[in-house]
Protein backbone atom coordinates (compact mmCIF):
# COMPACT_ATOMS: atom_id res chain seq x y z
CA MET A 1 0.04 -0.11 0.00
CA THR A 2 1.17 3.16 -0.95
CA PHE A 3 1.47 6.59 1.44
CA GLU A 4 -1.11 8.19 -0.37
CA GLU A 5 -3.55 4.89 -0.59
CA ILE A 6 -3.15 5.14 3.52
CA VAL A 7 -3.97 8.13 3.42
CA ALA A 8 -7.28 8.05 0.96
CA LYS A 9 -8.31 4.71 2.87
CA VAL A 10 -8.15 6.69 6.98
CA ARG A 11 -9.84 9.21 5.20
CA GLU A 12 -12.71 7.17 3.55
CA ILE A 13 -12.66 5.34 7.56
CA PHE A 14 -13.65 9.05 8.52
CA LYS A 15 -15.27 10.80 6.11
CA ASP A 16 -18.76 10.35 8.19
CA ALA A 17 -16.72 11.38 12.18
CA ASP A 18 -19.15 12.96 14.29
CA VAL A 19 -16.67 15.64 15.66
CA SER A 20 -19.67 18.13 16.16
CA LYS A 21 -19.17 17.74 20.35
CA ILE A 22 -15.86 18.00 20.48
CA ASN A 23 -15.00 21.24 21.89
CA GLU A 24 -11.55 22.08 21.52
CA HIS A 25 -8.86 22.03 19.36
CA LEU A 26 -7.24 19.06 18.71
CA ALA A 27 -4.15 17.95 16.43
CA TYR A 28 -2.63 14.58 15.49
CA GLN A 29 0.42 13.58 13.44
CA PHE A 30 1.11 10.09 12.40
CA ASN A 31 4.33 9.33 11.47
CA ILE A 32 3.87 5.38 9.53
CA THR A 33 6.95 3.14 9.21
CA GLY A 34 7.68 0.96 6.59
CA GLU A 35 5.75 0.49 3.81
CA GLY A 36 3.99 3.50 2.68
CA GLU A 37 5.72 5.70 5.19
CA GLY A 38 5.02 8.94 4.86
CA ALA A 39 3.61 11.29 7.69
CA PHE A 40 -0.57 13.07 7.71
CA TYR A 41 -2.43 14.59 10.56
CA ALA A 42 -5.97 14.83 11.65
CA GLU A 43 -6.98 17.83 13.08
CA VAL A 44 -10.43 18.62 14.19
CA LYS A 45 -11.05 22.37 14.68
CA ASP A 46 -14.27 24.55 14.72
CA GLY A 47 -16.12 20.83 15.24
CA LYS A 48 -14.61 19.65 11.67
CA LEU A 49 -12.06 16.63 10.77
CA SER A 50 -9.79 17.09 8.52
CA ILE A 51 -6.88 14.77 7.58
CA GLU A 52 -4.37 16.27 5.30
CA PRO A 53 -1.02 13.89 3.78
CA TYR A 54 1.21 16.98 5.73
CA GLU A 55 3.54 17.33 8.62
CA TYR A 56 2.10 19.23 11.73
CA TYR A 57 4.45 21.03 13.32
CA ASP A 58 2.22 22.38 15.60
CA ARG A 59 0.59 19.45 16.79
CA ASP A 60 -0.83 17.83 20.03
CA CYS A 61 0.85 14.10 19.93
CA LYS A 62 2.37 12.71 17.28
CA PHE A 63 1.63 8.93 16.74
CA ILE A 64 4.49 6.23 15.11
CA CYS A 65 3.48 3.13 13.48
CA THR A 66 3.39 0.82 10.53
CA ALA A 67 0.55 1.13 8.19
CA HIS A 68 -0.92 -2.31 9.72
CA VAL A 69 -0.95 -1.34 13.14
CA LEU A 70 -3.34 1.65 12.14
CA PHE A 71 -5.40 -0.43 10.51
CA ASP A 72 -5.45 -2.93 13.36
CA LEU A 73 -6.39 0.57 16.14
CA ILE A 74 -8.87 2.04 13.66
CA SER A 75 -10.95 -1.52 13.22
CA GLY A 76 -10.40 -1.70 16.83
CA LYS A 77 -8.06 -5.44 16.94
CA LEU A 78 -5.86 -4.09 18.63
CA ASP A 79 -6.12 -2.11 21.87
CA PRO A 80 -4.25 1.18 21.39
CA VAL A 81 -2.33 0.58 25.14
CA ALA A 82 -1.56 -2.92 24.13
CA ALA A 83 0.23 -1.60 21.21
CA PHE A 84 2.03 1.18 23.09
CA MET A 85 3.54 -1.23 25.48
CA THR A 86 4.84 -3.73 23.21
CA GLY A 87 6.61 -0.76 21.80
CA LYS A 88 4.44 -1.39 18.39
CA LEU A 89 2.87 2.06 18.56
CA LYS A 90 4.89 5.29 19.75
CA VAL A 91 3.10 8.36 21.26
CA GLU A 92 5.66 11.99 21.70
CA GLY A 93 3.55 14.75 23.16
CA ASN A 94 1.03 15.03 25.11
CA LEU A 95 -0.74 12.65 26.46
CA GLY A 96 -3.69 13.22 27.49
CA LYS A 97 -4.96 14.44 24.30
CA ALA A 98 -3.65 11.45 22.71
CA MET A 99 -6.40 8.98 24.64
CA LYS A 100 -8.77 11.97 23.07
CA LEU A 101 -8.16 9.79 20.19
CA LYS A 102 -10.56 7.28 21.10
CA GLU A 103 -13.20 9.53 20.65
CA LEU A 104 -12.53 10.11 16.84
CA MET A 105 -13.19 6.34 16.79
């Protein structure tokens, strides 16, 4: 899977996500390692979710994982805490805001 395909798939999965009840600004960067390597961000601002294939330097936190791990997390096949504890997922930045990512899923 290419980086562009990964971003397109993430956009498709979250196209109908209801973020209208999230009243704060959230900015997450995802660094994909291995196949399809690249960085993209997801931002919740003013009740809308944006997913763009760029680095986000004013982010709350950064998640580092493979595309396979990312899609397992999104689908619920992999628990984020377990992924973090086993080293499959690395998190840098505000851990409190990182935990709010579950609200998007």
